[in-house]
C-alpha atoms as a PDB file:
ATOM      1  CA  UNK A   1      20.918  -8.598 -85.765  1.00  0.00           C
ATOM      2  CA  UNK A   2      22.596 -10.762 -83.293  1.00  0.00           C
ATOM      3  CA  UNK A   3      22.632 -10.657 -79.537  1.00  0.00           C
ATOM      4  CA  UNK A   4      25.926 -10.962 -77.886  1.00  0.00           C
ATOM      5  CA  UNK A   5      26.186 -12.171 -74.310  1.00  0.00           C
ATOM      6  CA  UNK A   6      29.842 -11.513 -73.943  1.00  0.00           C
ATOM      7  CA  UNK A   7      29.637  -8.276 -71.927  1.00  0.00           C
ATOM      8  CA  UNK A   8      26.167  -7.796 -70.387  1.00  0.00           C
ATOM      9  CA  UNK A   9      25.433  -4.400 -68.877  1.00  0.00           C
ATOM     10  CA  UNK A  10      23.961  -4.519 -65.311  1.00  0.00           C
ATOM     11  CA  UNK A  11      20.514  -2.996 -64.990  1.00  0.00           C
ATOM     12  CA  UNK A  12      21.295  -1.515 -61.554  1.00  0.00           C
ATOM     13  CA  UNK A  13      24.538   0.082 -60.551  1.00  0.00           C
ATOM     14  CA  UNK A  14      26.164  -2.149 -57.844  1.00  0.00           C
ATOM     15  CA  UNK A  15      27.361   0.876 -55.879  1.00  0.00           C
ATOM     16  CA  UNK A  16      23.804   2.233 -55.661  1.00  0.00           C
ATOM     17  CA  UNK A  17      22.521  -1.194 -54.677  1.00  0.00           C
ATOM     18  CA  UNK A  18      25.012  -1.572 -51.804  1.00  0.00           C
ATOM     19  CA  UNK A  19      24.296   1.987 -50.629  1.00  0.00           C
ATOM     20  CA  UNK A  20      20.539   1.243 -50.621  1.00  0.00           C
ATOM     21  CA  UNK A  21      21.156  -1.924 -48.588  1.00  0.00           C
ATOM     22  CA  UNK A  22      23.258   0.026 -46.091  1.00  0.00           C
ATOM     23  CA  UNK A  23      20.546   2.662 -45.691  1.00  0.00           C
ATOM     24  CA  UNK A  24      17.912  -0.027 -45.270  1.00  0.00           C
ATOM     25  CA  UNK A  25      20.138  -1.867 -42.775  1.00  0.00           C
ATOM     26  CA  UNK A  26      20.627   1.327 -40.728  1.00  0.00           C
ATOM     27  CA  UNK A  27      16.858   1.946 -40.711  1.00  0.00           C
ATOM     28  CA  UNK A  28      16.258  -1.602 -39.477  1.00  0.00           C
ATOM     29  CA  UNK A  29      18.859  -1.155 -36.720  1.00  0.00           C
ATOM     30  CA  UNK A  30      17.199   2.114 -35.644  1.00  0.00           C
ATOM     31  CA  UNK A  31      13.815   0.390 -35.597  1.00  0.00           C
ATOM     32  CA  UNK A  32      15.205  -2.473 -33.492  1.00  0.00           C
ATOM     33  CA  UNK A  33      16.815  -0.006 -31.081  1.00  0.00           C
ATOM     34  CA  UNK A  34      13.519   1.857 -30.787  1.00  0.00           C
ATOM     35  CA  UNK A  35      11.647  -1.400 -30.061  1.00  0.00           C
ATOM     36  CA  UNK A  36      14.270  -2.382 -27.459  1.00  0.00           C
ATOM     37  CA  UNK A  37      13.853   0.992 -25.772  1.00  0.00           C
ATOM     38  CA  UNK A  38      10.063   0.605 -25.747  1.00  0.00           C
ATOM     39  CA  UNK A  39      10.409  -2.870 -24.230  1.00  0.00           C
ATOM     40  CA  UNK A  40      12.771  -1.550 -21.537  1.00  0.00           C
ATOM     41  CA  UNK A  41      10.285   1.220 -20.682  1.00  0.00           C
ATOM     42  CA  UNK A  42       7.444  -1.310 -20.495  1.00  0.00           C
ATOM     43  CA  UNK A  43       9.453  -3.591 -18.192  1.00  0.00           C
ATOM     44  CA  UNK A  44      10.385  -0.629 -15.984  1.00  0.00           C
ATOM     45  CA  UNK A  45       6.734   0.446 -15.692  1.00  0.00           C
ATOM     46  CA  UNK A  46       5.641  -3.109 -14.828  1.00  0.00           C
ATOM     47  CA  UNK A  47       8.351  -3.352 -12.158  1.00  0.00           C
ATOM     48  CA  UNK A  48       7.365  -0.010 -10.663  1.00  0.00           C
ATOM     49  CA  UNK A  49       3.715  -1.077 -10.420  1.00  0.00           C
ATOM     50  CA  UNK A  50       4.728  -4.418  -8.923  1.00  0.00           C
ATOM     51  CA  UNK A  51       6.923  -2.789  -6.267  1.00  0.00           C
ATOM     52  CA  UNK A  52       4.258  -0.206  -5.522  1.00  0.00           C
ATOM     53  CA  UNK A  53       1.595  -2.869  -5.013  1.00  0.00           C
ATOM     54  CA  UNK A  54       3.918  -4.797  -2.669  1.00  0.00           C
ATOM     55  CA  UNK A  55       4.498  -1.615  -0.667  1.00  0.00           C
ATOM     56  CA  UNK A  56       0.765  -0.936  -0.444  1.00  0.00           C
ATOM     57  CA  UNK A  57       0.056  -4.495   0.716  1.00  0.00           C
ATOM     58  CA  UNK A  58       2.706  -4.196   3.401  1.00  0.00           C
ATOM     59  CA  UNK A  59       1.214  -0.902   4.625  1.00  0.00           C
ATOM     60  CA  UNK A  60      -2.305  -2.334   4.675  1.00  0.00           C
ATOM     61  CA  UNK A  61      -1.154  -5.120   6.986  1.00  0.00           C
ATOM     62  CA  UNK A  62      -0.235  -2.498   9.601  1.00  0.00           C
ATOM     63  CA  UNK A  63      -3.424  -0.494   9.282  1.00  0.00           C
ATOM     64  CA  UNK A  64      -6.304  -0.908  11.662  1.00  0.00           C
ATOM     65  CA  UNK A  65      -9.712  -0.114  10.259  1.00  0.00           C
ATOM     66  CA  UNK A  66     -12.579   1.466  12.177  1.00  0.00           C
ATOM     67  CA  UNK A  67     -14.958  -1.374  11.287  1.00  0.00           C
ATOM     68  CA  UNK A  68     -12.710  -3.830  13.175  1.00  0.00           C
ATOM     69  CA  UNK A  69     -12.807  -1.897  16.451  1.00  0.00           C
ATOM     70  CA  UNK A  70     -16.548  -1.107  16.569  1.00  0.00           C
ATOM     71  CA  UNK A  71     -18.483  -2.586  19.476  1.00  0.00           C
ATOM     72  CA  UNK A  72     -18.178  -3.181  23.220  1.00  0.00           C
ATOM     73  CA  UNK A  73     -14.893  -4.367  24.750  1.00  0.00           C
ATOM     74  CA  UNK A  74     -14.292  -5.600  28.321  1.00  0.00           C
ATOM     75  CA  UNK A  75     -11.025  -5.704  30.210  1.00  0.00           C
ATOM     76  CA  UNK A  76      -9.731  -9.274  30.648  1.00  0.00           C
ATOM     77  CA  UNK A  77      -8.158  -8.712  34.048  1.00  0.00           C
ATOM     78  CA  UNK A  78      -8.685  -5.960  36.623  1.00  0.00           C
ATOM     79  CA  UNK A  79      -5.554  -4.059  35.642  1.00  0.00           C
ATOM     80  CA  UNK A  80      -7.160  -0.742  34.924  1.00  0.00           C
ATOM     81  CA  UNK A  81      -9.797   1.531  36.334  1.00  0.00           C
ATOM     82  CA  UNK A  82     -11.397   1.544  32.829  1.00  0.00           C
ATOM     83  CA  UNK A  83     -12.994  -1.908  32.448  1.00  0.00           C
ATOM     84  CA  UNK A  84     -15.107  -1.198  29.341  1.00  0.00           C
ATOM     85  CA  UNK A  85     -14.761   0.524  25.977  1.00  0.00           C
ATOM     86  CA  UNK A  86     -17.663   1.091  23.598  1.00  0.00           C
ATOM     87  CA  UNK A  87     -16.647   2.216  20.100  1.00  0.00           C
ATOM     88  CA  UNK A  88     -19.465   3.673  18.025  1.00  0.00           C
ATOM     89  CA  UNK A  89     -19.611   4.202  14.259  1.00  0.00           C
ATOM     90  CA  UNK A  90     -19.832   7.985  14.742  1.00  0.00           C
ATOM     91  CA  UNK A  91     -16.177   8.222  15.931  1.00  0.00           C
ATOM     92  CA  UNK A  92     -17.287   8.421  19.573  1.00  0.00           C
ATOM     93  CA  UNK A  93     -16.066   6.069  22.261  1.00  0.00           C
ATOM     94  CA  UNK A  94     -17.494   5.781  25.754  1.00  0.00           C
ATOM     95  CA  UNK A  95     -15.063   4.603  28.397  1.00  0.00           C
ATOM     96  CA  UNK A  96     -16.486   3.167  31.581  1.00  0.00           C
ATOM     97  CA  UNK A  97     -14.695   3.397  34.876  1.00  0.00           C
ATOM     98  CA  UNK A  98     -14.804   1.478  38.172  1.00  0.00           C
ATOM     99  CA  UNK A  99     -16.709   4.354  39.685  1.00  0.00           C
ATOM    100  CA  UNK A 100     -19.954   5.618  38.207  1.00  0.00           C
ATOM    101  CA  UNK A 101     -18.274   7.841  35.612  1.00  0.00           C
ATOM    102  CA  UNK A 102     -18.378   7.445  31.848  1.00  0.00           C
ATOM    103  CA  UNK A 103     -15.863   9.352  29.739  1.00  0.00           C
ATOM    104  CA  UNK A 104     -16.617  10.347  26.152  1.00  0.00           C
ATOM    105  CA  UNK A 105     -13.951  10.915  23.516  1.00  0.00           C
ATOM    106  CA  UNK A 106     -13.792  11.408  19.785  1.00  0.00           C
ATOM    107  CA  UNK A 107     -11.489   8.728  18.377  1.00  0.00           C
ATOM    108  CA  UNK A 108      -9.355   8.311  15.288  1.00  0.00           C
ATOM    109  CA  UNK A 109      -7.410   5.239  14.200  1.00  0.00           C
ATOM    110  CA  UNK A 110      -4.131   6.143  12.553  1.00  0.00           C
ATOM    111  CA  UNK A 111      -1.713   3.399  11.572  1.00  0.00           C
ATOM    112  CA  UNK A 112      -1.531   1.306  14.753  1.00  0.00           C
ATOM    113  CA  UNK A 113      -2.639   4.039  17.154  1.00  0.00           C
ATOM    114  CA  UNK A 114      -5.930   4.912  18.807  1.00  0.00           C
ATOM    115  CA  UNK A 115      -6.010   8.682  19.237  1.00  0.00           C
ATOM    116  CA  UNK A 116      -8.596  10.008  21.697  1.00  0.00           C
ATOM    117  CA  UNK A 117      -9.641  13.666  21.793  1.00  0.00           C
ATOM    118  CA  UNK A 118     -11.801  15.515  24.266  1.00  0.00           C
ATOM    119  CA  UNK A 119     -11.494  19.251  23.798  1.00  0.00           C
ATOM    120  CA  UNK A 120      -7.804  20.063  24.027  1.00  0.00           C
ATOM    121  CA  UNK A 121      -6.986  16.753  25.732  1.00  0.00           C
ATOM    122  CA  UNK A 122      -5.325  14.233  23.360  1.00  0.00           C
ATOM    123  CA  UNK A 123      -4.360  10.687  24.368  1.00  0.00           C
ATOM    124  CA  UNK A 124      -2.396   8.486  21.978  1.00  0.00           C
ATOM    125  CA  UNK A 125      -2.507   4.703  22.609  1.00  0.00           C
ATOM    126  CA  UNK A 126      -0.549   2.108  20.630  1.00  0.00           C
ATOM    127  CA  UNK A 127      -2.568  -0.941  19.556  1.00  0.00           C
ATOM    128  CA  UNK A 128      -0.528  -4.143  19.646  1.00  0.00           C
ATOM    129  CA  UNK A 129      -3.260  -6.493  18.500  1.00  0.00           C
ATOM    130  CA  UNK A 130      -6.755  -6.230  17.078  1.00  0.00           C
ATOM    131  CA  UNK A 131      -8.725  -9.182  15.776  1.00  0.00           C
ATOM    132  CA  UNK A 132     -12.338 -10.345  15.959  1.00  0.00           C
ATOM    133  CA  UNK A 133     -12.281 -11.017  19.728  1.00  0.00           C
ATOM    134  CA  UNK A 134      -9.136  -9.411  21.154  1.00  0.00           C
ATOM    135  CA  UNK A 135      -7.895  -5.817  21.537  1.00  0.00           C
ATOM    136  CA  UNK A 136      -4.502  -5.260  23.179  1.00  0.00           C
ATOM    137  CA  UNK A 137      -2.945  -1.870  23.956  1.00  0.00           C
ATOM    138  CA  UNK A 138       0.697  -1.292  24.807  1.00  0.00           C
ATOM    139  CA  UNK A 139      -0.629   1.063  27.460  1.00  0.00           C
ATOM    140  CA  UNK A 140      -3.822   3.027  27.762  1.00  0.00           C
ATOM    141  CA  UNK A 141      -4.682   6.145  29.777  1.00  0.00           C
ATOM    142  CA  UNK A 142      -1.115   6.450  31.082  1.00  0.00           C
ATOM    143  CA  UNK A 143      -1.249   2.975  32.677  1.00  0.00           C
ATOM    144  CA  UNK A 144       2.251   1.695  31.883  1.00  0.00           C
ATOM    145  CA  UNK A 145       1.350  -1.992  31.447  1.00  0.00           C
ATOM    146  CA  UNK A 146      -0.224  -3.896  28.579  1.00  0.00           C
ATOM    147  CA  UNK A 147      -4.030  -3.774  28.632  1.00  0.00           C
ATOM    148  CA  UNK A 148      -6.022  -6.639  27.051  1.00  0.00           C
ATOM    149  CA  UNK A 149      -9.718  -6.396  26.207  1.00  0.00           C
ATOM    150  CA  UNK A 150     -12.109  -8.985  24.809  1.00  0.00           C
ATOM    151  CA  UNK A 151     -15.147  -8.340  22.648  1.00  0.00           C
ATOM    152  CA  UNK A 152     -18.446  -8.556  24.493  1.00  0.00           C
ATOM    153  CA  UNK A 153     -21.281 -10.055  22.464  1.00  0.00           C
END
């Protein structure tokens, strides 16, 4: 018996082989598209969190916290008939006057406003500045000028 190499028969049909490669190529393309989509979703989520945190930081800069306003404040100049404010931790503020009267209000800080309530009476005062030793109102108790207080130790 002799072996002839003149016309070898292929072990795998070339048409089947090319079809298998095309199927495999399509599967790889689908997988790549799926990974691209997942990456786009991940980037979008990261961007949303980043923008959200920037927005929250910006809002926090405008907020005034109760712990910053606690204590006794004195009027810098005699512009008002209310020379002293005493903010307590129980949401009560006592407001001294030039006469022998002390007014009591419940207070709430909302954004940059001090809101005072006494029964049905509500007074809203815009805070322009609050730091460790200075408290400045745009106006307070219907006095149309800026009112500046300093912290009394």
